[in-house]
Amino acid sequence: MNQNELKDIILKGLKQVAPNANVEELGMDENLRDALDIDSFDHLNFLIAIDEKLGVNIPEKDYGKLNTVAEVINYLNVRVA
């Protein structure tokens, strides 16, 4: 899976938790929670959706490392076959 495919999946997951946000304009290095005005519960639901879509287990200890689209892509890039 390439980075563009991962980005599309990430943006779709973000759209589920922030349906009114324009996620397509989100910068790669913008903090997701700040830019989309989502709380920690929404962020968790986003990570769960990614886990379910890609079958990648994201341990709780890694949640704090996944704050931007770029960080999520880099994290998933090494874990997705």
N, C-alpha and C. Protein backbone atom coordinates (compact mmCIF):
# COMPACT_ATOMS: atom_id res chain seq x y z
N MET A 1 0.86 -1.17 0.00
CA MET A 1 0.00 0.00 0.00
C MET A 1 0.90 1.23 0.00
N ASN A 2 0.60 2.17 -0.89
CA ASN A 2 1.45 3.36 -0.98
C ASN A 2 0.93 4.47 -0.05
N GLN A 3 1.71 5.54 0.01
CA GLN A 3 1.37 6.63 0.94
C GLN A 3 0.07 7.33 0.56
N ASN A 4 -0.22 7.46 -0.72
CA ASN A 4 -1.47 8.10 -1.13
C ASN A 4 -2.68 7.28 -0.70
N GLU A 5 -2.58 5.97 -0.82
CA GLU A 5 -3.67 5.09 -0.37
C GLU A 5 -3.86 5.20 1.13
N LEU A 6 -2.74 5.22 1.87
CA LEU A 6 -2.83 5.38 3.32
C LEU A 6 -3.45 6.72 3.68
N LYS A 7 -3.04 7.76 2.99
CA LYS A 7 -3.59 9.10 3.27
C LYS A 7 -5.09 9.11 3.03
N ASP A 8 -5.56 8.50 1.95
CA ASP A 8 -7.00 8.44 1.66
C ASP A 8 -7.76 7.74 2.77
N ILE A 9 -7.22 6.63 3.26
CA ILE A 9 -7.85 5.89 4.35
C ILE A 9 -7.88 6.73 5.62
N ILE A 10 -6.79 7.42 5.89
CA ILE A 10 -6.70 8.28 7.08
C ILE A 10 -7.73 9.40 6.99
N LEU A 11 -7.81 10.05 5.85
CA LEU A 11 -8.75 11.17 5.69
C LEU A 11 -10.20 10.68 5.82
N LYS A 12 -10.50 9.52 5.29
CA LYS A 12 -11.85 8.95 5.45
C LYS A 12 -12.14 8.66 6.92
N GLY A 13 -11.16 8.15 7.64
CA GLY A 13 -11.34 7.90 9.08
C GLY A 13 -11.55 9.19 9.84
N LEU A 14 -10.82 10.22 9.48
CA LEU A 14 -10.98 11.52 10.13
C LEU A 14 -12.35 12.12 9.83
N LYS A 15 -12.81 11.92 8.61
CA LYS A 15 -14.12 12.44 8.22
C LYS A 15 -15.23 11.78 9.04
N GLN A 16 -15.03 10.53 9.46
CA GLN A 16 -16.02 9.85 10.29
C GLN A 16 -16.14 10.49 11.67
N VAL A 17 -15.02 10.94 12.22
CA VAL A 17 -15.06 11.52 13.56
C VAL A 17 -15.26 13.03 13.55
N ALA A 18 -15.00 13.65 12.41
CA ALA A 18 -15.19 15.10 12.26
C ALA A 18 -15.90 15.37 10.93
N PRO A 19 -17.18 15.00 10.85
CA PRO A 19 -17.90 15.07 9.57
C PRO A 19 -18.04 16.48 8.99
N ASN A 20 -17.97 17.50 9.82
CA ASN A 20 -18.12 18.86 9.33
C ASN A 20 -16.80 19.51 8.94
N ALA A 21 -15.70 18.83 9.20
CA ALA A 21 -14.38 19.39 8.90
C ALA A 21 -14.00 19.14 7.45
N ASN A 22 -13.23 20.04 6.91
CA ASN A 22 -12.72 19.88 5.56
C ASN A 22 -11.34 19.21 5.68
N VAL A 23 -11.34 17.91 5.82
CA VAL A 23 -10.09 17.18 6.07
C VAL A 23 -9.13 17.22 4.88
N GLU A 24 -9.65 17.48 3.70
CA GLU A 24 -8.79 17.55 2.52
C GLU A 24 -7.82 18.72 2.59
N GLU A 25 -8.15 19.74 3.35
CA GLU A 25 -7.28 20.91 3.50
C GLU A 25 -6.33 20.79 4.69
N LEU A 26 -6.40 19.68 5.38
CA LEU A 26 -5.57 19.46 6.56
C LEU A 26 -4.11 19.30 6.14
N GLY A 27 -3.24 20.07 6.75
CA GLY A 27 -1.81 19.96 6.46
C GLY A 27 -1.23 18.68 7.03
N MET A 28 -0.22 18.16 6.39
CA MET A 28 0.38 16.89 6.80
C MET A 28 0.96 16.96 8.21
N ASP A 29 1.39 18.13 8.65
CA ASP A 29 2.01 18.26 9.97
C ASP A 29 1.15 19.01 10.98
N GLU A 30 -0.11 19.22 10.65
CA GLU A 30 -1.02 19.87 11.60
C GLU A 30 -1.47 18.87 12.65
N ASN A 31 -1.58 19.34 13.87
CA ASN A 31 -2.09 18.49 14.94
C ASN A 31 -3.56 18.19 14.67
N LEU A 32 -3.89 16.91 14.57
CA LEU A 32 -5.24 16.49 14.21
C LEU A 32 -6.28 16.99 15.20
N ARG A 33 -6.00 16.84 16.47
CA ARG A 33 -6.99 17.22 17.49
C ARG A 33 -7.24 18.72 17.47
N ASP A 34 -6.19 19.50 17.30
CA ASP A 34 -6.35 20.96 17.28
C ASP A 34 -7.02 21.43 15.98
N ALA A 35 -6.52 20.93 14.86
CA ALA A 35 -7.02 21.38 13.56
C ALA A 35 -8.48 21.00 13.33
N LEU A 36 -8.88 19.82 13.82
CA LEU A 36 -10.24 19.34 13.59
C LEU A 36 -11.16 19.56 14.79
N ASP A 37 -10.59 20.10 15.86
CA ASP A 37 -11.35 20.35 17.09
C ASP A 37 -12.04 19.07 17.58
N ILE A 38 -11.25 18.00 17.67
CA ILE A 38 -11.78 16.74 18.18
C ILE A 38 -11.16 16.46 19.55
N ASP A 39 -11.89 15.72 20.35
CA ASP A 39 -11.38 15.39 21.69
C ASP A 39 -10.67 14.04 21.66
N SER A 40 -10.17 13.62 22.80
CA SER A 40 -9.40 12.38 22.88
C SER A 40 -10.26 11.16 22.52
N PHE A 41 -11.55 11.20 22.83
CA PHE A 41 -12.44 10.10 22.48
C PHE A 41 -12.58 9.97 20.96
N ASP A 42 -12.74 11.11 20.28
CA ASP A 42 -12.82 11.09 18.82
C ASP A 42 -11.51 10.60 18.21
N HIS A 43 -10.40 11.03 18.79
CA HIS A 43 -9.08 10.60 18.30
C HIS A 43 -8.95 9.08 18.47
N LEU A 44 -9.40 8.57 19.59
CA LEU A 44 -9.38 7.12 19.83
C LEU A 44 -10.26 6.40 18.80
N ASN A 45 -11.45 6.92 18.55
CA ASN A 45 -12.34 6.31 17.56
C ASN A 45 -11.70 6.32 16.17
N PHE A 46 -10.99 7.37 15.84
CA PHE A 46 -10.26 7.44 14.58
C PHE A 46 -9.22 6.33 14.50
N LEU A 47 -8.44 6.15 15.56
CA LEU A 47 -7.41 5.12 15.56
C LEU A 47 -8.02 3.72 15.49
N ILE A 48 -9.14 3.52 16.15
CA ILE A 48 -9.84 2.23 16.09
C ILE A 48 -10.32 1.96 14.67
N ALA A 49 -10.85 2.99 14.01
CA ALA A 49 -11.32 2.83 12.63
C ALA A 49 -10.16 2.44 11.71
N ILE A 50 -9.00 3.04 11.92
CA ILE A 50 -7.82 2.71 11.12
C ILE A 50 -7.42 1.26 11.38
N ASP A 51 -7.42 0.89 12.64
CA ASP A 51 -7.10 -0.49 13.04
C ASP A 51 -8.03 -1.48 12.34
N GLU A 52 -9.32 -1.19 12.38
CA GLU A 52 -10.30 -2.09 11.77
C GLU A 52 -10.17 -2.13 10.25
N LYS A 53 -9.90 -1.00 9.63
CA LYS A 53 -9.80 -0.93 8.17
C LYS A 53 -8.56 -1.66 7.65
N LEU A 54 -7.44 -1.47 8.35
CA LEU A 54 -6.17 -2.01 7.86
C LEU A 54 -5.71 -3.26 8.59
N GLY A 55 -6.35 -3.59 9.70
CA GLY A 55 -5.92 -4.75 10.47
C GLY A 55 -4.60 -4.54 11.17
N VAL A 56 -4.29 -3.30 11.47
CA VAL A 56 -3.05 -2.96 12.16
C VAL A 56 -3.36 -2.66 13.61
N ASN A 57 -2.81 -3.46 14.50
CA ASN A 57 -3.03 -3.22 15.92
C ASN A 57 -2.20 -2.02 16.36
N ILE A 58 -2.89 -1.02 16.89
CA ILE A 58 -2.21 0.18 17.39
C ILE A 58 -2.30 0.13 18.91
N PRO A 59 -1.20 -0.22 19.58
CA PRO A 59 -1.24 -0.29 21.04
C PRO A 59 -1.43 1.09 21.67
N GLU A 60 -2.06 1.09 22.82
CA GLU A 60 -2.36 2.35 23.51
C GLU A 60 -1.11 3.19 23.74
N LYS A 61 0.01 2.53 23.98
CA LYS A 61 1.26 3.28 24.24
C LYS A 61 1.70 4.11 23.02
N ASP A 62 1.18 3.79 21.83
CA ASP A 62 1.56 4.52 20.63
C ASP A 62 0.60 5.65 20.27
N TYR A 63 -0.51 5.77 20.95
CA TYR A 63 -1.51 6.79 20.62
C TYR A 63 -0.90 8.19 20.60
N GLY A 64 -0.05 8.48 21.55
CA GLY A 64 0.56 9.81 21.65
C GLY A 64 1.53 10.13 20.53
N LYS A 65 1.93 9.12 19.76
CA LYS A 65 2.86 9.32 18.65
C LYS A 65 2.13 9.65 17.35
N LEU A 66 0.79 9.60 17.38
CA LEU A 66 0.01 9.71 16.15
C LEU A 66 -0.85 10.97 16.18
N ASN A 67 -0.18 12.11 16.06
CA ASN A 67 -0.85 13.40 16.20
C ASN A 67 -1.06 14.15 14.88
N THR A 68 -0.39 13.72 13.82
CA THR A 68 -0.52 14.38 12.53
C THR A 68 -0.75 13.32 11.46
N VAL A 69 -1.20 13.76 10.30
CA VAL A 69 -1.38 12.84 9.18
C VAL A 69 -0.04 12.20 8.82
N ALA A 70 1.02 12.98 8.80
CA ALA A 70 2.35 12.46 8.46
C ALA A 70 2.79 11.39 9.46
N GLU A 71 2.57 11.63 10.74
CA GLU A 71 2.95 10.64 11.76
C GLU A 71 2.16 9.35 11.59
N VAL A 72 0.88 9.46 11.30
CA VAL A 72 0.05 8.26 11.11
C VAL A 72 0.51 7.50 9.87
N ILE A 73 0.78 8.22 8.79
CA ILE A 73 1.25 7.56 7.56
C ILE A 73 2.57 6.83 7.83
N ASN A 74 3.52 7.51 8.46
CA ASN A 74 4.82 6.89 8.75
C ASN A 74 4.67 5.67 9.65
N TYR A 75 3.79 5.76 10.63
CA TYR A 75 3.56 4.66 11.56
C TYR A 75 2.98 3.46 10.80
N LEU A 76 1.98 3.72 9.98
CA LEU A 76 1.32 2.63 9.26
C LEU A 76 2.18 2.07 8.13
N ASN A 77 2.97 2.92 7.53
CA ASN A 77 3.79 2.51 6.38
C ASN A 77 4.66 1.30 6.69
N VAL A 78 5.19 1.22 7.88
CA VAL A 78 6.07 0.09 8.24
C VAL A 78 5.29 -1.10 8.78
N ARG A 79 3.98 -0.93 9.00
CA ARG A 79 3.17 -2.00 9.58
C ARG A 79 2.17 -2.62 8.62
N VAL A 80 1.93 -1.97 7.50
CA VAL A 80 0.96 -2.47 6.53
C VAL A 80 1.71 -3.22 5.43
N ALA A 81 1.22 -4.39 5.12
CA ALA A 81 1.89 -5.20 4.09
C ALA A 81 1.59 -4.67 2.71
